[in-house]
Amino acid sequence: MRRDAGFYALVTVVVFGVETAVYALWRTESVGMLLSAFFTPFILTAAMIRSAQALTDSPQGALETLRRTALRLLGVAIVNFFVVWLCLGFGVTLMMTGDFAEVLMGFATLATSCTLLYALVYVCVEPPSWALPFLAVTRSIELTWQNANVRRLVLPALLFTALVAAETALQQWLTAGHVRDATFLAGTPADALTAAPFAVLLTVIYFDALARESRRAT
């Protein structure tokens, strides 16, 4: 998959450039959040589809990868919003409050979201269906608790938790300094730069879980 590094880098640069240009036209927090809801999932989707092609030894051209990315983008955006924004983001926010009860609730939220990470890959590589996001969630939970696969999700979960915590702290610091674009500057560049590596790592772990499931069945 090293040869695909150029593809990941190009998609990241182009998507981040477009996102920044569009945000610059309005420069409001609501616009920034709306853009992140689709631009970051676009990078995730493209990287997962591309790495899945490499792992299954079925390479396809860049244009075909982007076409499939467009078809799967909505499903990934829905799952990404639920898993990353609502579960992981909310969990990290609670854990940073300092209140013991909220810290425990935040930890429980993070643990729950960890079991849903496979859903991001599922919606990219499995056969299309109108119920794909819902199937992805149930399949992710099933895979997570097979053969102790949950241990393989600890690393991406910890990495993303650290990223969200760092972005939250940076946003608070920029806001305290009365920086107008604090939310955009604290989150968007980091999200764009880390989306592709995170997607590749998660895809590798997902296919490893499928392989372990197949070996167990035989």
C-alpha atoms as a PDB file:
ATOM      1  CA  MET A   1       0.000   0.000   0.000  1.00  0.00           C
ATOM      2  CA  ARG A   2       2.992   2.288   0.065  1.00  0.00           C
ATOM      3  CA  ARG A   3       2.588   2.965  -3.642  1.00  0.00           C
ATOM      4  CA  ASP A   4      -0.830   4.430  -2.883  1.00  0.00           C
ATOM      5  CA  ALA A   5       0.652   7.069  -0.594  1.00  0.00           C
ATOM      6  CA  GLY A   6       0.651   9.552  -3.445  1.00  0.00           C
ATOM      7  CA  PHE A   7      -3.067   8.968  -4.005  1.00  0.00           C
ATOM      8  CA  TYR A   8      -3.844   9.519  -0.322  1.00  0.00           C
ATOM      9  CA  ALA A   9      -1.725  12.671  -0.226  1.00  0.00           C
ATOM     10  CA  LEU A  10      -3.317  14.101  -3.376  1.00  0.00           C
ATOM     11  CA  VAL A  11      -6.867  13.462  -2.159  1.00  0.00           C
ATOM     12  CA  THR A  12      -6.032  15.001   1.219  1.00  0.00           C
ATOM     13  CA  VAL A  13      -4.476  18.145  -0.272  1.00  0.00           C
ATOM     14  CA  VAL A  14      -7.255  18.692  -2.814  1.00  0.00           C
ATOM     15  CA  VAL A  15     -10.102  18.066  -0.354  1.00  0.00           C
ATOM     16  CA  PHE A  16      -8.538  20.247   2.341  1.00  0.00           C
ATOM     17  CA  GLY A  17      -7.896  22.999  -0.205  1.00  0.00           C
ATOM     18  CA  VAL A  18     -11.494  22.976  -1.410  1.00  0.00           C
ATOM     19  CA  GLU A  19     -12.805  22.854   2.151  1.00  0.00           C
ATOM     20  CA  THR A  20     -10.645  25.810   3.170  1.00  0.00           C
ATOM     21  CA  ALA A  21     -11.663  27.826   0.120  1.00  0.00           C
ATOM     22  CA  VAL A  22     -15.364  27.237   0.702  1.00  0.00           C
ATOM     23  CA  TYR A  23     -15.061  28.044   4.404  1.00  0.00           C
ATOM     24  CA  ALA A  24     -13.255  31.294   3.592  1.00  0.00           C
ATOM     25  CA  LEU A  25     -16.361  32.533   1.760  1.00  0.00           C
ATOM     26  CA  TRP A  26     -18.531  32.473   4.914  1.00  0.00           C
ATOM     27  CA  ARG A  27     -16.174  31.971   7.887  1.00  0.00           C
ATOM     28  CA  THR A  28     -18.881  30.810  10.280  1.00  0.00           C
ATOM     29  CA  GLU A  29     -18.756  27.889  12.707  1.00  0.00           C
ATOM     30  CA  SER A  30     -21.933  26.299  11.323  1.00  0.00           C
ATOM     31  CA  VAL A  31     -20.499  26.261   7.795  1.00  0.00           C
ATOM     32  CA  GLY A  32     -17.248  24.762   9.079  1.00  0.00           C
ATOM     33  CA  MET A  33     -19.082  21.955  10.861  1.00  0.00           C
ATOM     34  CA  LEU A  34     -21.213  21.256   7.790  1.00  0.00           C
ATOM     35  CA  LEU A  35     -18.129  21.054   5.576  1.00  0.00           C
ATOM     36  CA  SER A  36     -16.350  18.721   8.010  1.00  0.00           C
ATOM     37  CA  ALA A  37     -19.384  16.430   7.997  1.00  0.00           C
ATOM     38  CA  PHE A  38     -18.697  15.581   4.350  1.00  0.00           C
ATOM     39  CA  PHE A  39     -15.114  16.517   3.478  1.00  0.00           C
ATOM     40  CA  THR A  40     -13.409  14.429   6.167  1.00  0.00           C
ATOM     41  CA  PRO A  41     -15.594  11.376   5.362  1.00  0.00           C
ATOM     42  CA  PHE A  42     -14.627  11.827   1.696  1.00  0.00           C
ATOM     43  CA  ILE A  43     -10.958  11.316   2.596  1.00  0.00           C
ATOM     44  CA  LEU A  44     -11.857   8.405   4.879  1.00  0.00           C
ATOM     45  CA  THR A  45     -13.949   6.733   2.182  1.00  0.00           C
ATOM     46  CA  ALA A  46     -11.368   7.130  -0.580  1.00  0.00           C
ATOM     47  CA  ALA A  47      -8.566   5.805   1.629  1.00  0.00           C
ATOM     48  CA  MET A  48     -10.585   2.825   2.868  1.00  0.00           C
ATOM     49  CA  ILE A  49     -11.690   1.822  -0.625  1.00  0.00           C
ATOM     50  CA  ARG A  50      -8.160   2.204  -1.992  1.00  0.00           C
ATOM     51  CA  SER A  51      -6.541   0.227   0.827  1.00  0.00           C
ATOM     52  CA  ALA A  52      -9.242  -2.463   0.570  1.00  0.00           C
ATOM     53  CA  GLN A  53      -8.370  -2.847  -3.118  1.00  0.00           C
ATOM     54  CA  ALA A  54      -4.728  -3.375  -2.174  1.00  0.00           C
ATOM     55  CA  LEU A  55      -5.548  -5.859   0.592  1.00  0.00           C
ATOM     56  CA  THR A  56      -7.801  -7.927  -1.671  1.00  0.00           C
ATOM     57  CA  ASP A  57      -5.360  -7.733  -4.603  1.00  0.00           C
ATOM     58  CA  SER A  58      -7.959  -6.065  -6.831  1.00  0.00           C
ATOM     59  CA  PRO A  59      -6.373  -2.740  -7.815  1.00  0.00           C
ATOM     60  CA  GLN A  60      -8.438  -0.224  -9.743  1.00  0.00           C
ATOM     61  CA  GLY A  61      -7.728   3.137 -11.284  1.00  0.00           C
ATOM     62  CA  ALA A  62      -7.914   6.390  -9.356  1.00  0.00           C
ATOM     63  CA  LEU A  63     -11.037   7.537 -11.218  1.00  0.00           C
ATOM     64  CA  GLU A  64     -12.879   4.309 -10.398  1.00  0.00           C
ATOM     65  CA  THR A  65     -11.857   4.673  -6.755  1.00  0.00           C
ATOM     66  CA  LEU A  66     -13.219   8.222  -6.688  1.00  0.00           C
ATOM     67  CA  ARG A  67     -16.446   7.085  -8.373  1.00  0.00           C
ATOM     68  CA  ARG A  68     -16.973   4.442  -5.710  1.00  0.00           C
ATOM     69  CA  THR A  69     -16.080   7.024  -3.076  1.00  0.00           C
ATOM     70  CA  ALA A  70     -18.881   9.277  -4.272  1.00  0.00           C
ATOM     71  CA  LEU A  71     -21.356   6.387  -4.142  1.00  0.00           C
ATOM     72  CA  ARG A  72     -20.404   5.400  -0.585  1.00  0.00           C
ATOM     73  CA  LEU A  73     -19.869   8.886   0.837  1.00  0.00           C
ATOM     74  CA  LEU A  74     -23.339   9.390   2.327  1.00  0.00           C
ATOM     75  CA  GLY A  75     -23.240   6.088   4.222  1.00  0.00           C
ATOM     76  CA  VAL A  76     -19.784   6.839   5.609  1.00  0.00           C
ATOM     77  CA  ALA A  77     -20.853  10.366   6.569  1.00  0.00           C
ATOM     78  CA  ILE A  78     -23.825   8.973   8.533  1.00  0.00           C
ATOM     79  CA  VAL A  79     -21.734   6.376  10.366  1.00  0.00           C
ATOM     80  CA  ASN A  80     -18.882   8.850  10.911  1.00  0.00           C
ATOM     81  CA  PHE A  81     -21.288  11.359  12.480  1.00  0.00           C
ATOM     82  CA  PHE A  82     -22.721   8.740  14.828  1.00  0.00           C
ATOM     83  CA  VAL A  83     -19.490   6.977  15.797  1.00  0.00           C
ATOM     84  CA  VAL A  84     -16.954   9.806  15.717  1.00  0.00           C
ATOM     85  CA  TRP A  85     -18.878  12.976  16.495  1.00  0.00           C
ATOM     86  CA  LEU A  86     -21.590  11.710  18.827  1.00  0.00           C
ATOM     87  CA  CYS A  87     -19.821   8.822  20.571  1.00  0.00           C
ATOM     88  CA  LEU A  88     -16.084   9.506  20.544  1.00  0.00           C
ATOM     89  CA  GLY A  89     -16.361  13.294  20.561  1.00  0.00           C
ATOM     90  CA  PHE A  90     -18.979  13.340  23.307  1.00  0.00           C
ATOM     91  CA  GLY A  91     -17.018  10.817  25.342  1.00  0.00           C
ATOM     92  CA  VAL A  92     -13.818  12.857  25.167  1.00  0.00           C
ATOM     93  CA  THR A  93     -15.683  16.031  26.069  1.00  0.00           C
ATOM     94  CA  LEU A  94     -17.150  14.392  29.163  1.00  0.00           C
ATOM     95  CA  MET A  95     -13.770  13.014  30.238  1.00  0.00           C
ATOM     96  CA  MET A  96     -12.211  16.482  30.061  1.00  0.00           C
ATOM     97  CA  THR A  97     -14.725  18.023  32.481  1.00  0.00           C
ATOM     98  CA  GLY A  98     -12.948  16.756  35.586  1.00  0.00           C
ATOM     99  CA  ASP A  99     -16.172  15.636  37.290  1.00  0.00           C
ATOM    100  CA  PHE A 100     -15.828  12.000  38.388  1.00  0.00           C
ATOM    101  CA  ALA A 101     -19.327  10.912  37.311  1.00  0.00           C
ATOM    102  CA  GLU A 102     -18.957  12.548  33.894  1.00  0.00           C
ATOM    103  CA  VAL A 103     -15.501  11.048  33.446  1.00  0.00           C
ATOM    104  CA  LEU A 104     -16.956   7.584  34.066  1.00  0.00           C
ATOM    105  CA  MET A 105     -19.779   8.287  31.620  1.00  0.00           C
ATOM    106  CA  GLY A 106     -17.256   9.523  29.086  1.00  0.00           C
ATOM    107  CA  PHE A 107     -15.189   6.366  29.473  1.00  0.00           C
ATOM    108  CA  ALA A 108     -18.286   4.212  28.972  1.00  0.00           C
ATOM    109  CA  THR A 109     -19.167   6.210  25.842  1.00  0.00           C
ATOM    110  CA  LEU A 110     -15.669   5.736  24.453  1.00  0.00           C
ATOM    111  CA  ALA A 111     -15.769   2.004  25.152  1.00  0.00           C
ATOM    112  CA  THR A 112     -19.091   1.740  23.340  1.00  0.00           C
ATOM    113  CA  SER A 113     -17.870   3.710  20.330  1.00  0.00           C
ATOM    114  CA  CYS A 114     -14.831   1.441  20.111  1.00  0.00           C
ATOM    115  CA  THR A 115     -17.116  -1.445  19.171  1.00  0.00           C
ATOM    116  CA  LEU A 116     -18.531   0.591  16.276  1.00  0.00           C
ATOM    117  CA  LEU A 117     -15.302   1.498  14.473  1.00  0.00           C
ATOM    118  CA  TYR A 118     -15.529  -1.442  12.071  1.00  0.00           C
ATOM    119  CA  ALA A 119     -18.759   0.090  10.759  1.00  0.00           C
ATOM    120  CA  LEU A 120     -16.770   2.789   8.962  1.00  0.00           C
ATOM    121  CA  VAL A 121     -14.998   0.194   6.824  1.00  0.00           C
ATOM    122  CA  TYR A 122     -18.107  -1.934   6.371  1.00  0.00           C
ATOM    123  CA  VAL A 123     -20.034   0.813   4.590  1.00  0.00           C
ATOM    124  CA  CYS A 124     -17.108   1.279   2.195  1.00  0.00           C
ATOM    125  CA  VAL A 125     -16.404  -2.276   1.113  1.00  0.00           C
ATOM    126  CA  GLU A 126     -19.530  -4.391   1.601  1.00  0.00           C
ATOM    127  CA  PRO A 127     -22.352  -4.781  -0.970  1.00  0.00           C
ATOM    128  CA  PRO A 128     -24.584  -1.682  -1.191  1.00  0.00           C
ATOM    129  CA  SER A 129     -27.971  -1.666   0.522  1.00  0.00           C
ATOM    130  CA  TRP A 130     -30.463   0.940   1.707  1.00  0.00           C
ATOM    131  CA  ALA A 131     -29.910  -0.376   5.229  1.00  0.00           C
ATOM    132  CA  LEU A 132     -26.108  -0.380   4.939  1.00  0.00           C
ATOM    133  CA  PRO A 133     -25.404   2.008   7.856  1.00  0.00           C
ATOM    134  CA  PHE A 134     -27.591  -0.067  10.193  1.00  0.00           C
ATOM    135  CA  LEU A 135     -26.070  -3.342   9.001  1.00  0.00           C
ATOM    136  CA  ALA A 136     -22.632  -1.820   9.491  1.00  0.00           C
ATOM    137  CA  VAL A 137     -23.315  -1.063  13.153  1.00  0.00           C
ATOM    138  CA  THR A 138     -24.602  -4.556  13.954  1.00  0.00           C
ATOM    139  CA  ARG A 139     -21.815  -6.242  12.002  1.00  0.00           C
ATOM    140  CA  SER A 140     -19.202  -4.080  13.726  1.00  0.00           C
ATOM    141  CA  ILE A 141     -20.447  -5.118  17.169  1.00  0.00           C
ATOM    142  CA  GLU A 142     -20.463  -8.764  16.093  1.00  0.00           C
ATOM    143  CA  LEU A 143     -16.907  -8.632  14.737  1.00  0.00           C
ATOM    144  CA  THR A 144     -15.565  -6.703  17.703  1.00  0.00           C
ATOM    145  CA  TRP A 145     -16.404  -9.403  20.219  1.00  0.00           C
ATOM    146  CA  GLN A 146     -15.167 -12.323  18.121  1.00  0.00           C
ATOM    147  CA  ASN A 147     -11.734 -13.726  18.937  1.00  0.00           C
ATOM    148  CA  ALA A 148     -10.967 -10.749  21.156  1.00  0.00           C
ATOM    149  CA  ASN A 149     -10.906  -8.436  18.126  1.00  0.00           C
ATOM    150  CA  VAL A 150     -11.706  -5.580  20.472  1.00  0.00           C
ATOM    151  CA  ARG A 151      -8.015  -5.517  21.447  1.00  0.00           C
ATOM    152  CA  ARG A 152      -7.115  -4.579  17.880  1.00  0.00           C
ATOM    153  CA  LEU A 153      -9.371  -1.556  18.095  1.00  0.00           C
ATOM    154  CA  VAL A 154      -7.700  -0.153  21.178  1.00  0.00           C
ATOM    155  CA  LEU A 155      -4.919   1.539  19.179  1.00  0.00           C
ATOM    156  CA  PRO A 156      -7.131   3.423  16.690  1.00  0.00           C
ATOM    157  CA  ALA A 157      -9.534   4.316  19.489  1.00  0.00           C
ATOM    158  CA  LEU A 158      -6.710   5.713  21.631  1.00  0.00           C
ATOM    159  CA  LEU A 159      -5.233   7.600  18.686  1.00  0.00           C
ATOM    160  CA  PHE A 160      -8.529   9.201  17.823  1.00  0.00           C
ATOM    161  CA  THR A 161      -9.264   9.995  21.470  1.00  0.00           C
ATOM    162  CA  ALA A 162      -5.913  11.763  21.716  1.00  0.00           C
ATOM    163  CA  LEU A 163      -6.662  13.681  18.510  1.00  0.00           C
ATOM    164  CA  VAL A 164     -10.072  14.856  19.713  1.00  0.00           C
ATOM    165  CA  ALA A 165      -8.653  15.827  23.113  1.00  0.00           C
ATOM    166  CA  ALA A 166      -5.854  17.817  21.467  1.00  0.00           C
ATOM    167  CA  GLU A 167      -8.285  19.565  19.114  1.00  0.00           C
ATOM    168  CA  THR A 168     -10.618  20.424  21.994  1.00  0.00           C
ATOM    169  CA  ALA A 169      -7.779  21.856  24.087  1.00  0.00           C
ATOM    170  CA  LEU A 170      -6.469  23.856  21.106  1.00  0.00           C
ATOM    171  CA  GLN A 171      -9.930  25.210  20.362  1.00  0.00           C
ATOM    172  CA  GLN A 172     -10.349  26.353  23.959  1.00  0.00           C
ATOM    173  CA  TRP A 173      -6.946  28.056  23.846  1.00  0.00           C
ATOM    174  CA  LEU A 174      -7.698  29.811  20.558  1.00  0.00           C
ATOM    175  CA  THR A 175     -11.134  30.849  21.769  1.00  0.00           C
ATOM    176  CA  ALA A 176      -9.617  32.316  24.917  1.00  0.00           C
ATOM    177  CA  GLY A 177      -7.320  34.304  22.631  1.00  0.00           C
ATOM    178  CA  HIS A 178     -10.352  35.601  20.725  1.00  0.00           C
ATOM    179  CA  VAL A 179      -9.294  33.984  17.449  1.00  0.00           C
ATOM    180  CA  ARG A 180     -12.227  34.240  15.043  1.00  0.00           C
ATOM    181  CA  ASP A 181     -11.741  30.904  13.293  1.00  0.00           C
ATOM    182  CA  ALA A 182     -10.849  28.914  16.411  1.00  0.00           C
ATOM    183  CA  THR A 183     -13.099  25.940  15.669  1.00  0.00           C
ATOM    184  CA  PHE A 184     -11.953  25.615  12.061  1.00  0.00           C
ATOM    185  CA  LEU A 185      -8.251  26.067  12.821  1.00  0.00           C
ATOM    186  CA  ALA A 186      -8.297  23.664  15.767  1.00  0.00           C
ATOM    187  CA  GLY A 187     -10.028  20.808  13.989  1.00  0.00           C
ATOM    188  CA  THR A 188     -10.069  20.927  10.208  1.00  0.00           C
ATOM    189  CA  PRO A 189      -6.328  20.757   9.372  1.00  0.00           C
ATOM    190  CA  ALA A 190      -5.697  17.938  11.861  1.00  0.00           C
ATOM    191  CA  ASP A 191      -8.754  16.004  10.677  1.00  0.00           C
ATOM    192  CA  ALA A 192      -7.671  16.260   7.047  1.00  0.00           C
ATOM    193  CA  LEU A 193      -4.073  15.196   7.734  1.00  0.00           C
ATOM    194  CA  THR A 194      -4.959  12.219   9.926  1.00  0.00           C
ATOM    195  CA  ALA A 195      -8.024  10.910   8.048  1.00  0.00           C
ATOM    196  CA  ALA A 196      -6.159   8.814   5.457  1.00  0.00           C
ATOM    197  CA  PRO A 197      -3.678   7.132   7.870  1.00  0.00           C
ATOM    198  CA  PHE A 198      -6.519   6.377  10.283  1.00  0.00           C
ATOM    199  CA  ALA A 199      -8.612   4.918   7.447  1.00  0.00           C
ATOM    200  CA  VAL A 200      -5.799   2.668   6.227  1.00  0.00           C
ATOM    201  CA  LEU A 201      -5.075   1.398   9.751  1.00  0.00           C
ATOM    202  CA  LEU A 202      -8.743   0.675  10.390  1.00  0.00           C
ATOM    203  CA  THR A 203      -9.127  -1.125   7.044  1.00  0.00           C
ATOM    204  CA  VAL A 204      -6.162  -3.392   7.766  1.00  0.00           C
ATOM    205  CA  ILE A 205      -7.602  -4.261  11.179  1.00  0.00           C
ATOM    206  CA  TYR A 206     -11.038  -4.915   9.641  1.00  0.00           C
ATOM    207  CA  PHE A 207      -9.729  -7.374   7.045  1.00  0.00           C
ATOM    208  CA  ASP A 208      -7.608  -9.069   9.698  1.00  0.00           C
ATOM    209  CA  ALA A 209     -10.786  -9.567  11.748  1.00  0.00           C
ATOM    210  CA  LEU A 210     -12.531 -11.076   8.706  1.00  0.00           C
ATOM    211  CA  ALA A 211      -9.602 -13.436   8.157  1.00  0.00           C
ATOM    212  CA  ARG A 212      -9.674 -14.549  11.782  1.00  0.00           C
ATOM    213  CA  GLU A 213     -13.429 -15.135  11.519  1.00  0.00           C
ATOM    214  CA  SER A 214     -12.935 -17.225   8.378  1.00  0.00           C
ATOM    215  CA  ARG A 215     -10.212 -19.355   9.979  1.00  0.00           C
ATOM    216  CA  ARG A 216     -12.388 -19.918  13.024  1.00  0.00           C
ATOM    217  CA  ALA A 217     -15.294 -21.066  10.817  1.00  0.00           C
ATOM    218  CA  THR A 218     -13.124 -23.703   9.167  1.00  0.00           C
END
